[in-house]
Amino acid sequence: MKVREKLVAIIPARGGSKRIKNKNVINFLGRPIISYTIDLLKKTGIFEKIHVSTDSKKICNIVEKNNLEIDFLRPKRLANDKVGVYYVLKYVVEQYKSMNINFKAAALVYPCSPLLRKKDILNSYKLLKKNKYQHPILSISEFLSTPERSLSLEKNNFIKVDNVKKFRARTQDLKKKYFDTGNLVFVPCNKIKQIVKNQNNKPCHKFVPYLLEKKRAIDIDTYEDLRFAEMLYKIDNKK
Protein backbone atom coordinates (compact mmCIF):
# COMPACT_ATOMS: atom_id res chain seq x y z
CA MET A 1 0.00 0.00 0.00
CA LYS A 2 1.41 3.39 -1.01
CA VAL A 3 1.83 5.81 1.90
CA ARG A 4 0.56 9.32 1.16
CA GLU A 5 3.13 12.06 1.66
CA LYS A 6 2.32 14.40 4.55
CA LEU A 7 1.44 17.89 3.36
CA VAL A 8 0.61 21.08 5.23
CA ALA A 9 -1.27 24.08 3.83
CA ILE A 10 -0.37 27.42 5.39
CA ILE A 11 -2.53 30.52 5.03
CA PRO A 12 -0.47 33.59 6.06
CA ALA A 13 -2.99 36.03 7.55
CA ARG A 14 -1.58 38.62 9.90
CA GLY A 15 -3.92 41.14 11.49
CA GLY A 16 -2.52 44.40 10.15
CA SER A 17 -3.06 45.75 6.64
CA LYS A 18 -2.48 49.27 5.33
CA ARG A 19 -4.30 49.72 2.02
CA ILE A 20 -7.46 47.77 2.91
CA LYS A 21 -8.37 47.59 6.59
CA ASN A 22 -8.71 43.98 7.81
CA LYS A 23 -8.11 42.82 4.23
CA ASN A 24 -7.61 39.16 5.10
CA VAL A 25 -11.12 38.88 6.57
CA ILE A 26 -12.94 41.57 4.60
CA ASN A 27 -16.46 40.84 3.39
CA PHE A 28 -16.42 39.15 -0.01
CA LEU A 29 -19.94 38.51 -1.30
CA GLY A 30 -21.30 37.96 2.19
CA ARG A 31 -18.45 35.97 3.73
CA PRO A 32 -14.98 36.75 5.13
CA ILE A 33 -12.62 36.42 2.20
CA ILE A 34 -10.35 33.97 4.02
CA SER A 35 -13.27 31.52 4.21
CA TYR A 36 -13.00 30.85 0.48
CA THR A 37 -9.35 29.79 0.82
CA ILE A 38 -10.12 27.55 3.80
CA ASP A 39 -12.97 25.85 1.92
CA LEU A 40 -10.80 25.40 -1.16
CA LEU A 41 -8.00 23.70 0.78
CA LYS A 42 -10.45 21.38 2.51
CA LYS A 43 -11.95 20.36 -0.84
CA THR A 44 -8.57 19.21 -2.18
CA GLY A 45 -8.38 16.46 0.44
CA ILE A 46 -4.57 16.27 0.25
CA PHE A 47 -3.52 18.13 3.38
CA GLU A 48 -2.75 16.57 6.73
CA LYS A 49 -2.98 20.02 8.30
CA ILE A 50 -4.43 23.37 7.26
CA HIS A 51 -2.85 26.08 9.38
CA VAL A 52 -3.79 29.76 9.43
CA SER A 53 -0.70 31.68 10.55
CA THR A 54 -1.98 34.75 12.36
CA ASP A 55 -1.36 37.03 15.32
CA SER A 56 -4.96 38.28 15.37
CA LYS A 57 -7.68 37.09 17.76
CA LYS A 58 -10.30 38.41 15.34
CA ILE A 59 -8.95 36.23 12.57
CA CYS A 60 -8.74 33.28 14.97
CA ASN A 61 -12.44 33.63 15.76
CA ILE A 62 -13.38 33.72 12.08
CA VAL A 63 -11.19 30.68 11.34
CA GLU A 64 -12.81 28.71 14.18
CA LYS A 65 -16.25 29.54 12.76
CA ASN A 66 -15.03 27.80 9.60
CA ASN A 67 -14.46 24.66 11.71
CA LEU A 68 -10.69 24.94 11.64
CA GLU A 69 -8.46 24.99 14.73
CA ILE A 70 -5.31 27.09 14.99
CA ASP A 71 -2.59 25.06 16.71
CA PHE A 72 -0.42 28.07 17.58
CA LEU A 73 -0.29 31.83 16.93
CA ARG A 74 2.29 33.71 14.92
CA PRO A 75 4.74 35.60 17.17
CA LYS A 76 4.71 39.39 16.96
CA ARG A 77 8.26 39.47 15.57
CA LEU A 78 6.94 37.77 12.43
CA ALA A 79 3.76 39.82 12.18
CA ASN A 80 4.85 43.05 10.52
CA ASP A 81 4.88 43.94 6.83
CA LYS A 82 8.68 43.84 6.62
CA VAL A 83 8.91 40.12 7.37
CA GLY A 84 9.13 37.90 4.30
CA VAL A 85 6.49 35.19 4.02
CA TYR A 86 9.11 32.43 3.77
CA TYR A 87 10.26 33.26 7.30
CA VAL A 88 6.68 32.61 8.39
CA LEU A 89 6.66 29.35 6.45
CA LYS A 90 9.92 28.29 8.11
CA TYR A 91 8.53 29.11 11.56
CA VAL A 92 5.32 27.10 11.04
CA VAL A 93 7.11 24.01 9.74
CA GLU A 94 9.64 24.16 12.59
CA GLN A 95 6.85 24.54 15.17
CA TYR A 96 5.14 21.42 13.88
CA LYS A 97 8.48 19.61 13.84
CA SER A 98 8.90 20.45 17.54
CA MET A 99 5.50 18.77 18.04
CA ASN A 100 6.83 15.65 16.24
CA ILE A 101 4.76 16.41 13.13
CA ASN A 102 6.90 16.38 9.99
CA PHE A 103 5.82 17.30 6.49
CA LYS A 104 7.18 16.46 3.04
CA ALA A 105 5.95 19.74 1.52
CA ALA A 106 4.06 22.90 2.41
CA ALA A 107 1.63 24.91 0.32
CA LEU A 108 1.44 28.64 0.95
CA VAL A 109 -2.02 29.74 -0.14
CA TYR A 110 -2.91 33.36 0.47
CA PRO A 111 -6.14 34.40 2.23
CA CYS A 112 -7.29 36.82 -0.49
CA SER A 113 -7.47 34.20 -3.24
CA PRO A 114 -11.17 33.54 -3.86
CA LEU A 115 -10.56 33.03 -7.57
CA LEU A 116 -8.22 30.07 -7.11
CA ARG A 117 -9.68 26.67 -7.96
CA LYS A 118 -9.19 23.13 -6.68
CA LYS A 119 -7.42 22.22 -9.93
CA ASP A 120 -4.80 24.94 -9.29
CA ILE A 121 -3.80 23.36 -5.98
CA LEU A 122 -3.83 19.80 -7.32
CA ASN A 123 -2.01 20.62 -10.56
CA SER A 124 0.73 22.55 -8.76
CA TYR A 125 1.15 19.56 -6.43
CA LYS A 126 1.46 17.28 -9.48
CA LEU A 127 4.26 19.54 -10.75
CA LEU A 128 6.01 19.24 -7.40
CA LYS A 129 5.85 15.43 -7.53
CA LYS A 130 6.90 15.43 -11.18
CA ASN A 131 10.16 17.20 -10.31
CA LYS A 132 10.58 14.81 -7.35
CA TYR A 133 10.35 17.55 -4.72
CA GLN A 134 13.55 19.16 -5.99
CA HIS A 135 12.17 22.66 -6.67
CA PRO A 136 9.30 24.79 -5.32
CA ILE A 137 6.31 25.67 -7.47
CA LEU A 138 5.25 29.30 -7.88
CA SER A 139 2.02 30.55 -9.43
CA ILE A 140 2.69 33.17 -12.11
CA SER A 141 0.65 34.88 -14.79
CA GLU A 142 1.46 36.85 -17.93
CA PHE A 143 1.32 40.64 -17.79
CA LEU A 144 -1.71 42.05 -19.60
CA SER A 145 0.61 44.50 -21.33
CA THR A 146 4.35 44.05 -21.53
CA PRO A 147 6.19 46.15 -18.90
CA GLU A 148 8.99 46.70 -21.43
CA ARG A 149 6.75 49.37 -23.00
CA SER A 150 6.16 51.11 -19.69
CA LEU A 151 5.58 54.83 -19.17
CA SER A 152 6.30 56.97 -16.13
CA LEU A 153 5.50 60.54 -15.14
CA GLU A 154 8.16 63.22 -14.80
CA LYS A 155 8.10 65.84 -12.05
CA ASN A 156 6.42 68.29 -14.42
CA ASN A 157 3.72 65.62 -14.98
CA PHE A 158 4.61 64.99 -18.62
CA ILE A 159 4.79 61.41 -19.84
CA LYS A 160 8.20 59.77 -20.12
CA VAL A 161 8.87 56.62 -22.17
CA ASP A 162 11.12 54.42 -20.04
CA ASN A 163 12.72 52.53 -22.92
CA VAL A 164 12.34 54.14 -26.35
CA LYS A 165 13.74 51.13 -28.26
CA LYS A 166 11.34 48.69 -26.57
CA PHE A 167 8.45 51.14 -26.88
CA ARG A 168 8.85 51.29 -30.66
CA ALA A 169 9.08 47.51 -31.01
CA ARG A 170 6.10 45.43 -32.06
CA THR A 171 4.45 43.63 -29.15
CA GLN A 172 4.93 40.25 -30.82
CA ASP A 173 8.68 40.91 -31.02
CA LEU A 174 9.02 41.44 -27.27
CA LYS A 175 9.69 38.61 -24.87
CA LYS A 176 6.71 37.61 -22.74
CA LYS A 177 6.94 38.74 -19.12
CA TYR A 178 5.29 37.22 -16.07
CA PHE A 179 4.57 38.21 -12.47
CA ASP A 180 4.21 36.39 -9.17
CA THR A 181 0.44 36.26 -8.63
CA GLY A 182 0.77 36.16 -4.84
CA ASN A 183 -1.66 33.26 -4.62
CA LEU A 184 0.14 29.97 -4.33
CA VAL A 185 3.56 28.48 -3.62
CA PHE A 186 4.25 24.76 -3.08
CA VAL A 187 7.54 24.20 -1.27
CA PRO A 188 9.45 20.99 -0.41
CA CYS A 189 10.14 21.33 3.31
CA ASN A 190 13.80 20.37 2.94
CA LYS A 191 14.28 23.41 0.66
CA ILE A 192 12.81 26.06 2.98
CA LYS A 193 16.08 27.12 4.61
CA GLN A 194 17.74 27.59 1.23
CA ILE A 195 14.79 29.64 -0.06
CA VAL A 196 14.97 31.92 2.99
CA LYS A 197 18.72 32.30 2.44
CA ASN A 198 18.20 33.24 -1.23
CA GLN A 199 15.50 35.84 -0.62
CA ASN A 200 17.78 38.88 -0.62
CA ASN A 201 19.92 37.96 -3.63
CA LYS A 202 18.06 35.32 -5.65
CA PRO A 203 14.31 35.51 -5.02
CA CYS A 204 12.37 32.88 -7.01
CA HIS A 205 15.68 31.21 -7.96
CA LYS A 206 14.96 27.79 -9.54
CA PHE A 207 11.23 27.97 -8.89
CA VAL A 208 9.09 25.95 -11.30
CA PRO A 209 6.22 28.00 -12.79
CA TYR A 210 2.57 27.13 -12.48
CA LEU A 211 0.83 29.31 -15.04
CA LEU A 212 -2.37 30.78 -13.65
CA GLU A 213 -5.12 32.09 -15.93
CA LYS A 214 -5.15 35.89 -16.09
CA LYS A 215 -8.70 36.06 -14.72
CA ARG A 216 -7.56 34.19 -11.58
CA ALA A 217 -4.47 36.31 -11.00
CA ILE A 218 -6.09 39.37 -9.40
CA ASP A 219 -3.93 40.81 -6.62
CA ILE A 220 -6.39 42.40 -4.19
CA ASP A 221 -4.64 45.52 -2.90
CA THR A 222 -7.35 48.15 -3.32
CA TYR A 223 -11.13 48.35 -2.99
CA GLU A 224 -11.29 48.56 -6.78
CA ASP A 225 -9.43 45.23 -7.00
CA LEU A 226 -11.89 43.77 -4.48
CA ARG A 227 -14.96 44.81 -6.49
CA PHE A 228 -13.37 43.50 -9.69
CA ALA A 229 -12.62 40.14 -8.05
CA GLU A 230 -16.23 39.91 -6.84
CA MET A 231 -17.46 40.54 -10.39
CA LEU A 232 -15.19 37.84 -11.82
CA TYR A 233 -16.25 35.39 -9.09
CA LYS A 234 -19.93 35.94 -9.89
CA ILE A 235 -19.34 35.44 -13.61
CA ASP A 236 -17.25 32.32 -13.05
CA ASN A 237 -19.81 30.71 -10.75
CA LYS A 238 -22.72 31.25 -13.15
CA LYS A 239 -21.22 28.67 -15.50
C-alpha atoms as a PDB file:
ATOM      1  CA  MET A   1       0.000   0.000   0.000  1.00  0.00           C
ATOM      2  CA  LYS A   2       1.407   3.392  -1.015  1.00  0.00           C
ATOM      3  CA  VAL A   3       1.828   5.808   1.901  1.00  0.00           C
ATOM      4  CA  ARG A   4       0.561   9.323   1.161  1.00  0.00           C
ATOM      5  CA  GLU A   5       3.131  12.064   1.659  1.00  0.00           C
ATOM      6  CA  LYS A   6       2.317  14.401   4.551  1.00  0.00           C
ATOM      7  CA  LEU A   7       1.436  17.888   3.356  1.00  0.00           C
ATOM      8  CA  VAL A   8       0.606  21.079   5.230  1.00  0.00           C
ATOM      9  CA  ALA A   9      -1.271  24.079   3.825  1.00  0.00           C
ATOM     10  CA  ILE A  10      -0.373  27.417   5.390  1.00  0.00           C
ATOM     11  CA  ILE A  11      -2.528  30.518   5.031  1.00  0.00           C
ATOM     12  CA  PRO A  12      -0.471  33.593   6.057  1.00  0.00           C
ATOM     13  CA  ALA A  13      -2.990  36.025   7.546  1.00  0.00           C
ATOM     14  CA  ARG A  14      -1.576  38.621   9.897  1.00  0.00           C
ATOM     15  CA  GLY A  15      -3.919  41.143  11.490  1.00  0.00           C
ATOM     16  CA  GLY A  16      -2.521  44.399  10.154  1.00  0.00           C
ATOM     17  CA  SER A  17      -3.060  45.750   6.636  1.00  0.00           C
ATOM     18  CA  LYS A  18      -2.483  49.266   5.328  1.00  0.00           C
ATOM     19  CA  ARG A  19      -4.297  49.722   2.018  1.00  0.00           C
ATOM     20  CA  ILE A  20      -7.456  47.773   2.905  1.00  0.00           C
ATOM     21  CA  LYS A  21      -8.372  47.589   6.592  1.00  0.00           C
ATOM     22  CA  ASN A  22      -8.709  43.983   7.808  1.00  0.00           C
ATOM     23  CA  LYS A  23      -8.112  42.817   4.233  1.00  0.00           C
ATOM     24  CA  ASN A  24      -7.610  39.159   5.105  1.00  0.00           C
ATOM     25  CA  VAL A  25     -11.119  38.882   6.570  1.00  0.00           C
ATOM     26  CA  ILE A  26     -12.936  41.571   4.596  1.00  0.00           C
ATOM     27  CA  ASN A  27     -16.460  40.836   3.387  1.00  0.00           C
ATOM     28  CA  PHE A  28     -16.422  39.146  -0.008  1.00  0.00           C
ATOM     29  CA  LEU A  29     -19.938  38.507  -1.300  1.00  0.00           C
ATOM     30  CA  GLY A  30     -21.304  37.960   2.189  1.00  0.00           C
ATOM     31  CA  ARG A  31     -18.448  35.970   3.728  1.00  0.00           C
ATOM     32  CA  PRO A  32     -14.985  36.754   5.127  1.00  0.00           C
ATOM     33  CA  ILE A  33     -12.618  36.424   2.195  1.00  0.00           C
ATOM     34  CA  ILE A  34     -10.350  33.968   4.025  1.00  0.00           C
ATOM     35  CA  SER A  35     -13.269  31.517   4.211  1.00  0.00           C
ATOM     36  CA  TYR A  36     -12.996  30.847   0.479  1.00  0.00           C
ATOM     37  CA  THR A  37      -9.354  29.794   0.823  1.00  0.00           C
ATOM     38  CA  ILE A  38     -10.123  27.546   3.798  1.00  0.00           C
ATOM     39  CA  ASP A  39     -12.972  25.853   1.919  1.00  0.00           C
ATOM     40  CA  LEU A  40     -10.801  25.405  -1.157  1.00  0.00           C
ATOM     41  CA  LEU A  41      -8.003  23.699   0.777  1.00  0.00           C
ATOM     42  CA  LYS A  42     -10.451  21.381   2.513  1.00  0.00           C
ATOM     43  CA  LYS A  43     -11.949  20.358  -0.839  1.00  0.00           C
ATOM     44  CA  THR A  44      -8.575  19.207  -2.183  1.00  0.00           C
ATOM     45  CA  GLY A  45      -8.382  16.457   0.439  1.00  0.00           C
ATOM     46  CA  ILE A  46      -4.571  16.271   0.248  1.00  0.00           C
ATOM     47  CA  PHE A  47      -3.518  18.131   3.379  1.00  0.00           C
ATOM     48  CA  GLU A  48      -2.749  16.571   6.731  1.00  0.00           C
ATOM     49  CA  LYS A  49      -2.978  20.021   8.304  1.00  0.00           C
ATOM     50  CA  ILE A  50      -4.427  23.373   7.257  1.00  0.00           C
ATOM     51  CA  HIS A  51      -2.853  26.083   9.384  1.00  0.00           C
ATOM     52  CA  VAL A  52      -3.787  29.759   9.429  1.00  0.00           C
ATOM     53  CA  SER A  53      -0.704  31.675  10.547  1.00  0.00           C
ATOM     54  CA  THR A  54      -1.976  34.753  12.357  1.00  0.00           C
ATOM     55  CA  ASP A  55      -1.364  37.034  15.320  1.00  0.00           C
ATOM     56  CA  SER A  56      -4.963  38.276  15.370  1.00  0.00           C
ATOM     57  CA  LYS A  57      -7.682  37.086  17.759  1.00  0.00           C
ATOM     58  CA  LYS A  58     -10.304  38.407  15.340  1.00  0.00           C
ATOM     59  CA  ILE A  59      -8.945  36.230  12.570  1.00  0.00           C
ATOM     60  CA  CYS A  60      -8.737  33.279  14.974  1.00  0.00           C
ATOM     61  CA  ASN A  61     -12.440  33.633  15.761  1.00  0.00           C
ATOM     62  CA  ILE A  62     -13.380  33.717  12.082  1.00  0.00           C
ATOM     63  CA  VAL A  63     -11.189  30.682  11.344  1.00  0.00           C
ATOM     64  CA  GLU A  64     -12.807  28.709  14.182  1.00  0.00           C
ATOM     65  CA  LYS A  65     -16.252  29.540  12.755  1.00  0.00           C
ATOM     66  CA  ASN A  66     -15.030  27.797   9.604  1.00  0.00           C
ATOM     67  CA  ASN A  67     -14.459  24.657  11.711  1.00  0.00           C
ATOM     68  CA  LEU A  68     -10.688  24.943  11.641  1.00  0.00           C
ATOM     69  CA  GLU A  69      -8.458  24.988  14.725  1.00  0.00           C
ATOM     70  CA  ILE A  70      -5.306  27.089  14.985  1.00  0.00           C
ATOM     71  CA  ASP A  71      -2.594  25.064  16.706  1.00  0.00           C
ATOM     72  CA  PHE A  72      -0.417  28.075  17.576  1.00  0.00           C
ATOM     73  CA  LEU A  73      -0.290  31.827  16.934  1.00  0.00           C
ATOM     74  CA  ARG A  74       2.285  33.714  14.925  1.00  0.00           C
ATOM     75  CA  PRO A  75       4.741  35.599  17.169  1.00  0.00           C
ATOM     76  CA  LYS A  76       4.710  39.394  16.963  1.00  0.00           C
ATOM     77  CA  ARG A  77       8.262  39.474  15.574  1.00  0.00           C
ATOM     78  CA  LEU A  78       6.940  37.767  12.429  1.00  0.00           C
ATOM     79  CA  ALA A  79       3.756  39.817  12.183  1.00  0.00           C
ATOM     80  CA  ASN A  80       4.854  43.046  10.518  1.00  0.00           C
ATOM     81  CA  ASP A  81       4.876  43.940   6.833  1.00  0.00           C
ATOM     82  CA  LYS A  82       8.681  43.844   6.617  1.00  0.00           C
ATOM     83  CA  VAL A  83       8.910  40.122   7.373  1.00  0.00           C
ATOM     84  CA  GLY A  84       9.126  37.897   4.298  1.00  0.00           C
ATOM     85  CA  VAL A  85       6.491  35.193   4.017  1.00  0.00           C
ATOM     86  CA  TYR A  86       9.106  32.431   3.772  1.00  0.00           C
ATOM     87  CA  TYR A  87      10.265  33.263   7.299  1.00  0.00           C
ATOM     88  CA  VAL A  88       6.681  32.613   8.390  1.00  0.00           C
ATOM     89  CA  LEU A  89       6.659  29.353   6.450  1.00  0.00           C
ATOM     90  CA  LYS A  90       9.921  28.288   8.109  1.00  0.00           C
ATOM     91  CA  TYR A  91       8.535  29.107  11.562  1.00  0.00           C
ATOM     92  CA  VAL A  92       5.319  27.102  11.040  1.00  0.00           C
ATOM     93  CA  VAL A  93       7.111  24.005   9.736  1.00  0.00           C
ATOM     94  CA  GLU A  94       9.637  24.155  12.588  1.00  0.00           C
ATOM     95  CA  GLN A  95       6.853  24.539  15.166  1.00  0.00           C
ATOM     96  CA  TYR A  96       5.142  21.423  13.877  1.00  0.00           C
ATOM     97  CA  LYS A  97       8.482  19.610  13.845  1.00  0.00           C
ATOM     98  CA  SER A  98       8.899  20.450  17.540  1.00  0.00           C
ATOM     99  CA  MET A  99       5.502  18.772  18.035  1.00  0.00           C
ATOM    100  CA  ASN A 100       6.828  15.654  16.239  1.00  0.00           C
ATOM    101  CA  ILE A 101       4.763  16.406  13.126  1.00  0.00           C
ATOM    102  CA  ASN A 102       6.901  16.384   9.991  1.00  0.00           C
ATOM    103  CA  PHE A 103       5.819  17.295   6.486  1.00  0.00           C
ATOM    104  CA  LYS A 104       7.183  16.464   3.042  1.00  0.00           C
ATOM    105  CA  ALA A 105       5.947  19.738   1.519  1.00  0.00           C
ATOM    106  CA  ALA A 106       4.058  22.899   2.405  1.00  0.00           C
ATOM    107  CA  ALA A 107       1.626  24.911   0.317  1.00  0.00           C
ATOM    108  CA  LEU A 108       1.444  28.642   0.945  1.00  0.00           C
ATOM    109  CA  VAL A 109      -2.018  29.742  -0.138  1.00  0.00           C
ATOM    110  CA  TYR A 110      -2.910  33.364   0.471  1.00  0.00           C
ATOM    111  CA  PRO A 111      -6.135  34.401   2.233  1.00  0.00           C
ATOM    112  CA  CYS A 112      -7.287  36.817  -0.493  1.00  0.00           C
ATOM    113  CA  SER A 113      -7.468  34.197  -3.243  1.00  0.00           C
ATOM    114  CA  PRO A 114     -11.174  33.544  -3.855  1.00  0.00           C
ATOM    115  CA  LEU A 115     -10.561  33.027  -7.573  1.00  0.00           C
ATOM    116  CA  LEU A 116      -8.225  30.066  -7.111  1.00  0.00           C
ATOM    117  CA  ARG A 117      -9.680  26.668  -7.963  1.00  0.00           C
ATOM    118  CA  LYS A 118      -9.188  23.130  -6.680  1.00  0.00           C
ATOM    119  CA  LYS A 119      -7.424  22.222  -9.929  1.00  0.00           C
ATOM    120  CA  ASP A 120      -4.804  24.938  -9.289  1.00  0.00           C
ATOM    121  CA  ILE A 121      -3.804  23.359  -5.976  1.00  0.00           C
ATOM    122  CA  LEU A 122      -3.834  19.799  -7.322  1.00  0.00           C
ATOM    123  CA  ASN A 123      -2.006  20.621 -10.559  1.00  0.00           C
ATOM    124  CA  SER A 124       0.729  22.551  -8.758  1.00  0.00           C
ATOM    125  CA  TYR A 125       1.152  19.565  -6.429  1.00  0.00           C
ATOM    126  CA  LYS A 126       1.464  17.283  -9.477  1.00  0.00           C
ATOM    127  CA  LEU A 127       4.258  19.543 -10.746  1.00  0.00           C
ATOM    128  CA  LEU A 128       6.015  19.243  -7.397  1.00  0.00           C
ATOM    129  CA  LYS A 129       5.848  15.433  -7.528  1.00  0.00           C
ATOM    130  CA  LYS A 130       6.896  15.435 -11.177  1.00  0.00           C
ATOM    131  CA  ASN A 131      10.155  17.199 -10.311  1.00  0.00           C
ATOM    132  CA  LYS A 132      10.583  14.810  -7.351  1.00  0.00           C
ATOM    133  CA  TYR A 133      10.351  17.551  -4.717  1.00  0.00           C
ATOM    134  CA  GLN A 134      13.554  19.156  -5.985  1.00  0.00           C
ATOM    135  CA  HIS A 135      12.174  22.663  -6.668  1.00  0.00           C
ATOM    136  CA  PRO A 136       9.305  24.789  -5.318  1.00  0.00           C
ATOM    137  CA  ILE A 137       6.307  25.666  -7.474  1.00  0.00           C
ATOM    138  CA  LEU A 138       5.249  29.296  -7.883  1.00  0.00           C
ATOM    139  CA  SER A 139       2.016  30.547  -9.429  1.00  0.00           C
ATOM    140  CA  ILE A 140       2.688  33.166 -12.106  1.00  0.00           C
ATOM    141  CA  SER A 141       0.651  34.884 -14.793  1.00  0.00           C
ATOM    142  CA  GLU A 142       1.456  36.849 -17.925  1.00  0.00           C
ATOM    143  CA  PHE A 143       1.318  40.642 -17.785  1.00  0.00           C
ATOM    144  CA  LEU A 144      -1.715  42.051 -19.598  1.00  0.00           C
ATOM    145  CA  SER A 145       0.611  44.499 -21.334  1.00  0.00           C
ATOM    146  CA  THR A 146       4.353  44.050 -21.528  1.00  0.00           C
ATOM    147  CA  PRO A 147       6.193  46.147 -18.902  1.00  0.00           C
ATOM    148  CA  GLU A 148       8.986  46.705 -21.429  1.00  0.00           C
ATOM    149  CA  ARG A 149       6.753  49.373 -22.996  1.00  0.00           C
ATOM    150  CA  SER A 150       6.163  51.113 -19.694  1.00  0.00           C
ATOM    151  CA  LEU A 151       5.583  54.835 -19.170  1.00  0.00           C
ATOM    152  CA  SER A 152       6.301  56.971 -16.131  1.00  0.00           C
ATOM    153  CA  LEU A 153       5.505  60.539 -15.138  1.00  0.00           C
ATOM    154  CA  GLU A 154       8.162  63.220 -14.796  1.00  0.00           C
ATOM    155  CA  LYS A 155       8.095  65.836 -12.053  1.00  0.00           C
ATOM    156  CA  ASN A 156       6.416  68.285 -14.419  1.00  0.00           C
ATOM    157  CA  ASN A 157       3.719  65.615 -14.980  1.00  0.00           C
ATOM    158  CA  PHE A 158       4.615  64.994 -18.624  1.00  0.00           C
ATOM    159  CA  ILE A 159       4.790  61.405 -19.840  1.00  0.00           C
ATOM    160  CA  LYS A 160       8.196  59.766 -20.115  1.00  0.00           C
ATOM    161  CA  VAL A 161       8.871  56.617 -22.165  1.00  0.00           C
ATOM    162  CA  ASP A 162      11.117  54.425 -20.036  1.00  0.00           C
ATOM    163  CA  ASN A 163      12.717  52.525 -22.917  1.00  0.00           C
ATOM    164  CA  VAL A 164      12.344  54.136 -26.351  1.00  0.00           C
ATOM    165  CA  LYS A 165      13.743  51.132 -28.258  1.00  0.00           C
ATOM    166  CA  LYS A 166      11.338  48.694 -26.574  1.00  0.00           C
ATOM    167  CA  PHE A 167       8.453  51.141 -26.883  1.00  0.00           C
ATOM    168  CA  ARG A 168       8.853  51.288 -30.657  1.00  0.00           C
ATOM    169  CA  ALA A 169       9.085  47.506 -31.010  1.00  0.00           C
ATOM    170  CA  ARG A 170       6.098  45.431 -32.060  1.00  0.00           C
ATOM    171  CA  THR A 171       4.448  43.635 -29.145  1.00  0.00           C
ATOM    172  CA  GLN A 172       4.934  40.252 -30.824  1.00  0.00           C
ATOM    173  CA  ASP A 173       8.683  40.912 -31.020  1.00  0.00           C
ATOM    174  CA  LEU A 174       9.019  41.439 -27.269  1.00  0.00           C
ATOM    175  CA  LYS A 175       9.687  38.605 -24.871  1.00  0.00           C
ATOM    176  CA  LYS A 176       6.708  37.608 -22.740  1.00  0.00           C
ATOM    177  CA  LYS A 177       6.940  38.740 -19.121  1.00  0.00           C
ATOM    178  CA  TYR A 178       5.292  37.224 -16.067  1.00  0.00           C
ATOM    179  CA  PHE A 179       4.568  38.212 -12.469  1.00  0.00           C
ATOM    180  CA  ASP A 180       4.213  36.390  -9.167  1.00  0.00           C
ATOM    181  CA  THR A 181       0.444  36.256  -8.629  1.00  0.00           C
ATOM    182  CA  GLY A 182       0.767  36.161  -4.843  1.00  0.00           C
ATOM    183  CA  ASN A 183      -1.663  33.261  -4.622  1.00  0.00           C
ATOM    184  CA  LEU A 184       0.143  29.968  -4.333  1.00  0.00           C
ATOM    185  CA  VAL A 185       3.560  28.476  -3.618  1.00  0.00           C
ATOM    186  CA  PHE A 186       4.250  24.762  -3.082  1.00  0.00           C
ATOM    187  CA  VAL A 187       7.540  24.198  -1.273  1.00  0.00           C
ATOM    188  CA  PRO A 188       9.454  20.994  -0.413  1.00  0.00           C
ATOM    189  CA  CYS A 189      10.137  21.327   3.312  1.00  0.00           C
ATOM    190  CA  ASN A 190      13.797  20.371   2.942  1.00  0.00           C
ATOM    191  CA  LYS A 191      14.284  23.410   0.663  1.00  0.00           C
ATOM    192  CA  ILE A 192      12.813  26.057   2.982  1.00  0.00           C
ATOM    193  CA  LYS A 193      16.079  27.122   4.613  1.00  0.00           C
ATOM    194  CA  GLN A 194      17.742  27.594   1.228  1.00  0.00           C
ATOM    195  CA  ILE A 195      14.793  29.637  -0.059  1.00  0.00           C
ATOM    196  CA  VAL A 196      14.972  31.923   2.989  1.00  0.00           C
ATOM    197  CA  LYS A 197      18.717  32.303   2.437  1.00  0.00           C
ATOM    198  CA  ASN A 198      18.197  33.235  -1.230  1.00  0.00           C
ATOM    199  CA  GLN A 199      15.502  35.841  -0.621  1.00  0.00           C
ATOM    200  CA  ASN A 200      17.779  38.883  -0.623  1.00  0.00           C
ATOM    201  CA  ASN A 201      19.917  37.957  -3.632  1.00  0.00           C
ATOM    202  CA  LYS A 202      18.060  35.320  -5.654  1.00  0.00           C
ATOM    203  CA  PRO A 203      14.308  35.509  -5.018  1.00  0.00           C
ATOM    204  CA  CYS A 204      12.367  32.881  -7.011  1.00  0.00           C
ATOM    205  CA  HIS A 205      15.676  31.209  -7.960  1.00  0.00           C
ATOM    206  CA  LYS A 206      14.963  27.789  -9.535  1.00  0.00           C
ATOM    207  CA  PHE A 207      11.234  27.974  -8.885  1.00  0.00           C
ATOM    208  CA  VAL A 208       9.091  25.949 -11.297  1.00  0.00           C
ATOM    209  CA  PRO A 209       6.221  28.005 -12.793  1.00  0.00           C
ATOM    210  CA  TYR A 210       2.571  27.133 -12.477  1.00  0.00           C
ATOM    211  CA  LEU A 211       0.833  29.314 -15.039  1.00  0.00           C
ATOM    212  CA  LEU A 212      -2.375  30.777 -13.653  1.00  0.00           C
ATOM    213  CA  GLU A 213      -5.117  32.087 -15.925  1.00  0.00           C
ATOM    214  CA  LYS A 214      -5.152  35.889 -16.085  1.00  0.00           C
ATOM    215  CA  LYS A 215      -8.701  36.055 -14.724  1.00  0.00           C
ATOM    216  CA  ARG A 216      -7.562  34.193 -11.578  1.00  0.00           C
ATOM    217  CA  ALA A 217      -4.470  36.310 -11.005  1.00  0.00           C
ATOM    218  CA  ILE A 218      -6.086  39.368  -9.403  1.00  0.00           C
ATOM    219  CA  ASP A 219      -3.931  40.812  -6.622  1.00  0.00           C
ATOM    220  CA  ILE A 220      -6.389  42.402  -4.192  1.00  0.00           C
ATOM    221  CA  ASP A 221      -4.639  45.517  -2.896  1.00  0.00           C
ATOM    222  CA  THR A 222      -7.353  48.149  -3.322  1.00  0.00           C
ATOM    223  CA  TYR A 223     -11.130  48.346  -2.989  1.00  0.00           C
ATOM    224  CA  GLU A 224     -11.293  48.564  -6.777  1.00  0.00           C
ATOM    225  CA  ASP A 225      -9.434  45.226  -7.001  1.00  0.00           C
ATOM    226  CA  LEU A 226     -11.891  43.771  -4.481  1.00  0.00           C
ATOM    227  CA  ARG A 227     -14.959  44.814  -6.490  1.00  0.00           C
ATOM    228  CA  PHE A 228     -13.373  43.503  -9.693  1.00  0.00           C
ATOM    229  CA  ALA A 229     -12.621  40.141  -8.055  1.00  0.00           C
ATOM    230  CA  GLU A 230     -16.229  39.914  -6.843  1.00  0.00           C
ATOM    231  CA  MET A 231     -17.465  40.544 -10.385  1.00  0.00           C
ATOM    232  CA  LEU A 232     -15.187  37.836 -11.816  1.00  0.00           C
ATOM    233  CA  TYR A 233     -16.250  35.395  -9.094  1.00  0.00           C
ATOM    234  CA  LYS A 234     -19.926  35.937  -9.889  1.00  0.00           C
ATOM    235  CA  ILE A 235     -19.337  35.442 -13.610  1.00  0.00           C
ATOM    236  CA  ASP A 236     -17.245  32.319 -13.052  1.00  0.00           C
ATOM    237  CA  ASN A 237     -19.805  30.715 -10.749  1.00  0.00           C
ATOM    238  CA  LYS A 238     -22.722  31.255 -13.152  1.00  0.00           C
ATOM    239  CA  LYS A 239     -21.221  28.672 -15.501  1.00  0.00           C
END
